[in-house]
Amino acid sequence: MRPLKWFVTAFTIVFLFAPLLVVAIVSINENRYMDFPPEGFSLAWYTALWTDPAWRASIGRSLTIALAGATLAVAVATPLAYVLRAYRIRLAPLLYSLGILPFMLPPVISALGMQVFWNATGHVGRIENVVIAHAIFFSTLPLITISLAMETMDPSLREAAQTLGASPRTTFRTITFPLLVPSMVTGFAAAFVLSLNEYIIAFLVAGFSVETLPIKIFNGLRYGFTPTIAAVTVVFIAVAGTVFTLAAMFGNLLRFLGADPSILEREPAAEARARAAEEVPERVPAAV
């Protein structure tokens, strides 16, 4: 059974990473076509991302939108998650469902709704339109992580602070908020990476007037497949991997996902005790 397990694991890893490896190899091709295997070695296509004004401008716009949109998403999701979980209002399930609704709908539906809104206001073709649209769409991610952190947080900590005379504001500032920071960073990282790679909403909301990196990639595909596209893909993967790695290195990964490791560790410990109890032979009482 163990060899089969290792085979399935190895096959899954190769199946997932083989296309990425091919793209990375193509990105160092010397000629201007995406040939595999490559004919020669060159890093000129990575250099073009920074020397070409069009690519450099699209990278700057994407980073600006991703940073601003993720920050705004966390700023919106944090008070909403805190109110819904701390005060237990009657409409909390409905409000929580509305909070995750944008991410549950197909992106094109959300994009069309935002496009109609901005057209009605006359404020079209602006970068702030994309920032707000991404913040609304990706606010679901920090809302989920922060809500999970609030759900697993030990309520005795807040109760102890209030018993010692701390006001609700002081309790939130000194107890609740520091415990929410890992989940806020997790939500920010997820919103940042997805906003950096998002195409549909950015295109329908702002069109070609705000050419983000994904829009630039799709525009470049109309003129052929060059290794620059592969180089952009490698950079995207490296940025996403770096962001999530740094997020995981901030602390315990389970804690970053909004869970309490002590709670999750109880079940394996209980299963181990039950398994040990089953292995111990039952003692037969001695006859009198």
Protein backbone atom coordinates (compact mmCIF):
# COMPACT_ATOMS: atom_id res chain seq x y z
CA MET A 1 0.00 0.00 0.00
CA ARG A 2 2.87 2.37 0.79
CA PRO A 3 4.49 2.09 -2.72
CA LEU A 4 1.11 2.93 -4.30
CA LYS A 5 0.79 5.95 -2.03
CA TRP A 6 4.24 7.22 -3.01
CA PHE A 7 3.49 6.62 -6.70
CA VAL A 8 0.24 8.58 -6.55
CA THR A 9 1.96 11.42 -4.67
CA ALA A 10 4.86 11.56 -7.15
CA PHE A 11 2.49 11.42 -10.14
CA THR A 12 0.40 14.27 -8.72
CA ILE A 13 3.47 16.44 -8.12
CA VAL A 14 4.80 15.80 -11.64
CA PHE A 15 1.36 16.40 -13.16
CA LEU A 16 1.06 19.77 -11.42
CA PHE A 17 4.61 21.05 -11.84
CA ALA A 18 5.50 19.73 -15.30
CA PRO A 19 3.61 22.51 -17.16
CA LEU A 20 5.23 25.14 -14.93
CA LEU A 21 8.67 23.65 -15.65
CA VAL A 22 8.00 23.75 -19.40
CA VAL A 23 6.93 27.40 -19.22
CA ALA A 24 10.03 28.28 -17.19
CA ILE A 25 12.29 26.57 -19.75
CA VAL A 26 10.56 28.31 -22.66
CA SER A 27 11.04 31.69 -20.96
CA ILE A 28 14.83 31.44 -21.38
CA ASN A 29 14.65 30.66 -25.10
CA GLU A 30 17.09 32.68 -27.20
CA ASN A 31 14.84 33.21 -30.23
CA ARG A 32 11.55 35.13 -30.13
CA TYR A 33 9.33 32.08 -30.44
CA MET A 34 8.10 29.76 -27.69
CA ASP A 35 10.00 26.71 -28.90
CA PHE A 36 10.50 23.63 -26.76
CA PRO A 37 13.17 22.53 -26.25
CA PRO A 38 14.68 26.01 -26.38
CA GLU A 39 17.32 26.98 -28.92
CA GLY A 40 19.97 28.67 -26.81
CA PHE A 41 19.85 30.45 -23.46
CA SER A 42 18.92 34.08 -22.85
CA LEU A 43 17.42 36.19 -20.07
CA ALA A 44 16.57 39.01 -22.46
CA TRP A 45 12.83 38.37 -22.08
CA TYR A 46 13.02 38.97 -18.32
CA THR A 47 15.00 42.15 -18.97
CA ALA A 48 12.30 43.28 -21.40
CA LEU A 49 9.76 43.30 -18.56
CA TRP A 50 11.66 46.17 -16.94
CA THR A 51 13.15 47.96 -19.95
CA ASP A 52 9.99 48.02 -22.08
CA PRO A 53 7.89 51.04 -20.93
CA ALA A 54 4.60 49.27 -21.77
CA TRP A 55 5.38 46.19 -19.67
CA ARG A 56 6.82 48.28 -16.85
CA ALA A 57 3.71 50.50 -16.75
CA SER A 58 1.34 47.52 -16.68
CA ILE A 59 3.34 45.92 -13.85
CA GLY A 60 3.15 49.17 -11.86
CA ARG A 61 -0.62 49.46 -12.39
CA SER A 62 -1.20 45.84 -11.34
CA LEU A 63 0.88 46.22 -8.18
CA THR A 64 -0.88 49.48 -7.28
CA ILE A 65 -4.33 47.96 -7.81
CA ALA A 66 -3.45 44.76 -5.92
CA LEU A 67 -1.97 46.59 -2.92
CA ALA A 68 -4.76 49.15 -2.68
CA GLY A 69 -7.53 46.64 -3.35
CA ALA A 70 -6.25 44.11 -0.80
CA THR A 71 -5.80 46.82 1.83
CA LEU A 72 -9.32 48.12 1.25
CA ALA A 73 -10.71 44.57 1.31
CA VAL A 74 -9.16 43.92 4.74
CA ALA A 75 -10.38 47.32 5.99
CA VAL A 76 -13.94 46.43 4.97
CA ALA A 77 -13.90 42.81 6.15
CA THR A 78 -12.35 43.36 9.60
CA PRO A 79 -15.13 45.43 11.23
CA LEU A 80 -17.81 43.36 9.51
CA ALA A 81 -16.37 40.07 10.79
CA TYR A 82 -15.87 41.52 14.27
CA VAL A 83 -19.43 42.81 14.57
CA LEU A 84 -20.98 39.61 13.21
CA ARG A 85 -18.99 37.31 15.52
CA ALA A 86 -18.64 39.42 18.65
CA TYR A 87 -22.18 40.77 19.02
CA ARG A 88 -24.14 37.81 17.56
CA ILE A 89 -26.79 40.00 15.99
CA ARG A 90 -29.93 38.35 14.66
CA LEU A 91 -29.19 39.05 11.00
CA ALA A 92 -25.59 37.82 11.25
CA PRO A 93 -26.09 34.78 8.94
CA LEU A 94 -27.75 36.94 6.30
CA LEU A 95 -25.07 39.63 6.47
CA TYR A 96 -22.32 37.02 6.34
CA SER A 97 -23.93 35.45 3.28
CA LEU A 98 -24.08 38.86 1.61
CA GLY A 99 -20.42 39.35 2.48
CA ILE A 100 -19.30 36.20 0.67
CA LEU A 101 -21.81 36.57 -2.17
CA PRO A 102 -19.51 38.55 -4.54
CA PHE A 103 -16.95 35.75 -4.53
CA MET A 104 -19.61 33.06 -4.98
CA LEU A 105 -20.97 34.63 -8.16
CA PRO A 106 -19.17 34.19 -11.49
CA PRO A 107 -16.67 37.03 -11.96
CA VAL A 108 -18.36 38.14 -15.16
CA ILE A 109 -21.64 38.74 -13.29
CA SER A 110 -19.92 40.89 -10.67
CA ALA A 111 -17.96 42.68 -13.39
CA LEU A 112 -21.11 43.50 -15.38
CA GLY A 113 -22.80 44.87 -12.28
CA MET A 114 -19.83 47.09 -11.48
CA GLN A 115 -19.59 48.20 -15.10
CA VAL A 116 -23.24 49.27 -15.09
CA PHE A 117 -22.71 51.16 -11.82
CA TRP A 118 -19.66 53.11 -13.01
CA ASN A 119 -21.30 53.88 -16.36
CA ALA A 120 -24.34 55.24 -14.55
CA THR A 121 -22.16 57.53 -12.43
CA GLY A 122 -20.15 58.71 -15.42
CA HIS A 123 -16.90 57.83 -13.66
CA VAL A 124 -15.43 55.42 -16.21
CA GLY A 125 -11.97 54.32 -17.25
CA ARG A 126 -10.28 55.14 -13.94
CA ILE A 127 -7.84 53.08 -11.94
CA GLU A 128 -9.79 53.70 -8.73
CA ASN A 129 -12.77 51.92 -10.31
CA VAL A 130 -10.71 48.74 -10.57
CA VAL A 131 -9.39 49.17 -7.01
CA ILE A 132 -12.90 49.44 -5.55
CA ALA A 133 -14.21 46.60 -7.71
CA HIS A 134 -11.39 44.28 -6.63
CA ALA A 135 -11.81 45.28 -2.99
CA ILE A 136 -15.50 44.39 -3.08
CA PHE A 137 -14.96 41.14 -4.95
CA PHE A 138 -12.00 39.89 -2.88
CA SER A 139 -13.21 41.12 0.53
CA THR A 140 -14.73 37.66 0.92
CA LEU A 141 -11.28 36.17 1.57
CA PRO A 142 -10.33 38.27 4.63
CA LEU A 143 -13.93 38.06 5.81
CA ILE A 144 -13.70 34.26 5.95
CA THR A 145 -10.27 34.12 7.59
CA ILE A 146 -11.07 36.80 10.18
CA SER A 147 -14.47 35.27 10.95
CA LEU A 148 -12.81 31.89 11.51
CA ALA A 149 -10.29 33.51 13.85
CA MET A 150 -13.10 35.19 15.80
CA GLU A 151 -14.95 31.89 16.01
CA THR A 152 -11.97 29.98 17.42
CA MET A 153 -10.78 32.77 19.73
CA ASP A 154 -10.98 31.99 23.44
CA PRO A 155 -13.78 34.21 24.81
CA SER A 156 -12.29 34.06 28.30
CA LEU A 157 -9.52 36.42 27.18
CA ARG A 158 -11.95 39.24 26.44
CA GLU A 159 -13.97 38.44 29.53
CA ALA A 160 -10.87 38.60 31.73
CA ALA A 161 -9.86 41.97 30.27
CA GLN A 162 -13.34 43.40 30.84
CA THR A 163 -13.42 41.96 34.38
CA LEU A 164 -10.20 43.86 35.14
CA GLY A 165 -11.86 47.08 34.05
CA ALA A 166 -10.86 47.36 30.39
CA SER A 167 -13.34 49.13 28.14
CA PRO A 168 -14.58 47.41 24.96
CA ARG A 169 -12.30 49.66 22.90
CA THR A 170 -9.27 48.81 25.02
CA THR A 171 -10.15 45.12 24.92
CA PHE A 172 -10.31 45.19 21.14
CA ARG A 173 -7.05 47.15 20.84
CA THR A 174 -4.99 45.06 23.28
CA ILE A 175 -6.58 41.59 23.08
CA THR A 176 -8.73 41.02 20.01
CA PHE A 177 -6.87 42.95 17.33
CA PRO A 178 -3.42 41.38 17.94
CA LEU A 179 -5.00 37.93 17.72
CA LEU A 180 -6.67 38.87 14.43
CA VAL A 181 -3.51 40.15 12.74
CA PRO A 182 -2.38 36.73 11.39
CA SER A 183 -5.78 36.13 9.79
CA MET A 184 -5.82 39.68 8.42
CA VAL A 185 -2.43 39.09 6.81
CA THR A 186 -3.68 35.82 5.35
CA GLY A 187 -6.71 37.51 3.83
CA PHE A 188 -4.53 40.34 2.54
CA ALA A 189 -2.08 37.92 0.90
CA ALA A 190 -4.85 35.95 -0.81
CA ALA A 191 -6.62 39.11 -2.03
CA PHE A 192 -3.33 40.59 -3.25
CA VAL A 193 -2.32 37.54 -5.30
CA LEU A 194 -5.77 37.05 -6.84
CA SER A 195 -6.11 40.75 -7.63
CA LEU A 196 -2.71 40.70 -9.30
CA ASN A 197 -3.89 37.91 -11.62
CA GLU A 198 -7.47 39.09 -12.22
CA TYR A 199 -8.52 39.92 -15.78
CA ILE A 200 -12.31 39.88 -16.26
CA ILE A 201 -13.30 42.53 -13.72
CA ALA A 202 -10.41 44.83 -14.63
CA PHE A 203 -11.22 44.61 -18.34
CA LEU A 204 -14.97 45.17 -18.03
CA VAL A 205 -14.68 47.95 -15.45
CA ALA A 206 -11.89 49.99 -17.04
CA GLY A 207 -11.20 48.41 -20.43
CA PHE A 208 -7.98 49.29 -22.24
CA SER A 209 -7.72 52.67 -20.50
CA VAL A 210 -6.24 50.90 -17.44
CA GLU A 211 -4.00 48.22 -18.90
CA THR A 212 -3.09 45.89 -16.07
CA LEU A 213 -0.60 43.08 -16.49
CA PRO A 214 -3.20 40.38 -17.30
CA ILE A 215 -4.80 42.69 -19.88
CA LYS A 216 -1.35 43.39 -21.33
CA ILE A 217 -0.72 39.65 -21.59
CA PHE A 218 -3.96 39.00 -23.46
CA ASN A 219 -3.27 41.95 -25.75
CA GLY A 220 0.19 40.56 -26.44
CA LEU A 221 -1.24 37.17 -27.37
CA ARG A 222 -2.94 38.75 -30.38
CA TYR A 223 0.47 39.36 -31.94
CA GLY A 224 1.92 35.91 -31.27
CA PHE A 225 3.35 33.80 -28.49
CA THR A 226 6.68 35.28 -27.45
CA PRO A 227 8.88 34.14 -24.53
CA THR A 228 8.00 37.41 -22.80
CA ILE A 229 4.60 35.89 -21.99
CA ALA A 230 6.34 32.89 -20.44
CA ALA A 231 8.64 35.19 -18.46
CA VAL A 232 5.63 37.07 -17.09
CA THR A 233 4.08 33.74 -16.07
CA VAL A 234 7.22 32.74 -14.19
CA VAL A 235 7.29 36.10 -12.41
CA PHE A 236 3.61 35.71 -11.47
CA ILE A 237 4.26 32.27 -9.99
CA ALA A 238 7.32 33.53 -8.11
CA VAL A 239 5.42 36.48 -6.65
CA ALA A 240 2.49 34.30 -5.56
CA GLY A 241 4.79 31.71 -4.01
CA THR A 242 6.82 34.37 -2.21
CA VAL A 243 3.76 36.10 -0.79
CA PHE A 244 2.22 32.91 0.58
CA THR A 245 5.58 31.63 1.85
CA LEU A 246 6.19 34.84 3.78
CA ALA A 247 2.64 34.67 5.11
CA ALA A 248 3.21 31.11 6.33
CA MET A 249 6.58 32.01 7.87
CA PHE A 250 4.93 34.73 9.99
CA GLY A 251 3.76 32.06 12.41
CA ASN A 252 2.04 28.72 12.63
CA LEU A 253 0.29 27.90 9.35
CA LEU A 254 -2.87 26.74 11.12
CA ARG A 255 -2.91 29.99 13.03
CA PHE A 256 -2.56 31.91 9.78
CA LEU A 257 -5.55 30.10 8.37
CA GLY A 258 -7.57 31.39 11.30
CA ALA A 259 -7.69 28.14 13.25
CA ASP A 260 -6.60 27.38 16.78
CA PRO A 261 -3.96 24.61 16.62
CA SER A 262 -4.79 23.43 20.15
CA ILE A 263 -8.34 22.65 19.04
CA LEU A 264 -7.21 20.80 15.93
CA GLU A 265 -4.67 18.79 17.89
CA ARG A 266 -7.24 17.42 20.30
CA GLU A 267 -8.86 15.07 17.80
CA PRO A 268 -5.62 13.28 16.74
CA ALA A 269 -4.67 12.92 20.41
CA ALA A 270 -8.09 11.50 21.27
CA GLU A 271 -7.87 9.08 18.33
CA ALA A 272 -4.41 7.94 19.47
CA ARG A 273 -5.67 7.27 23.00
CA ALA A 274 -8.64 5.33 21.65
CA ARG A 275 -6.39 3.27 19.39
CA ALA A 276 -4.04 2.51 22.29
CA ALA A 277 -6.96 1.47 24.44
CA GLU A 278 -8.14 -0.97 21.78
CA GLU A 279 -4.71 -2.57 21.56
CA VAL A 280 -4.56 -3.28 25.31
CA PRO A 281 -6.08 -6.75 25.96
CA GLU A 282 -9.04 -6.79 28.24
CA ARG A 283 -8.35 -8.16 31.67
CA VAL A 284 -10.59 -10.95 32.84
CA PRO A 285 -11.53 -10.62 36.51
CA ALA A 286 -10.06 -13.39 38.63
CA ALA A 287 -12.53 -15.96 39.92
CA VAL A 288 -13.14 -15.93 43.63
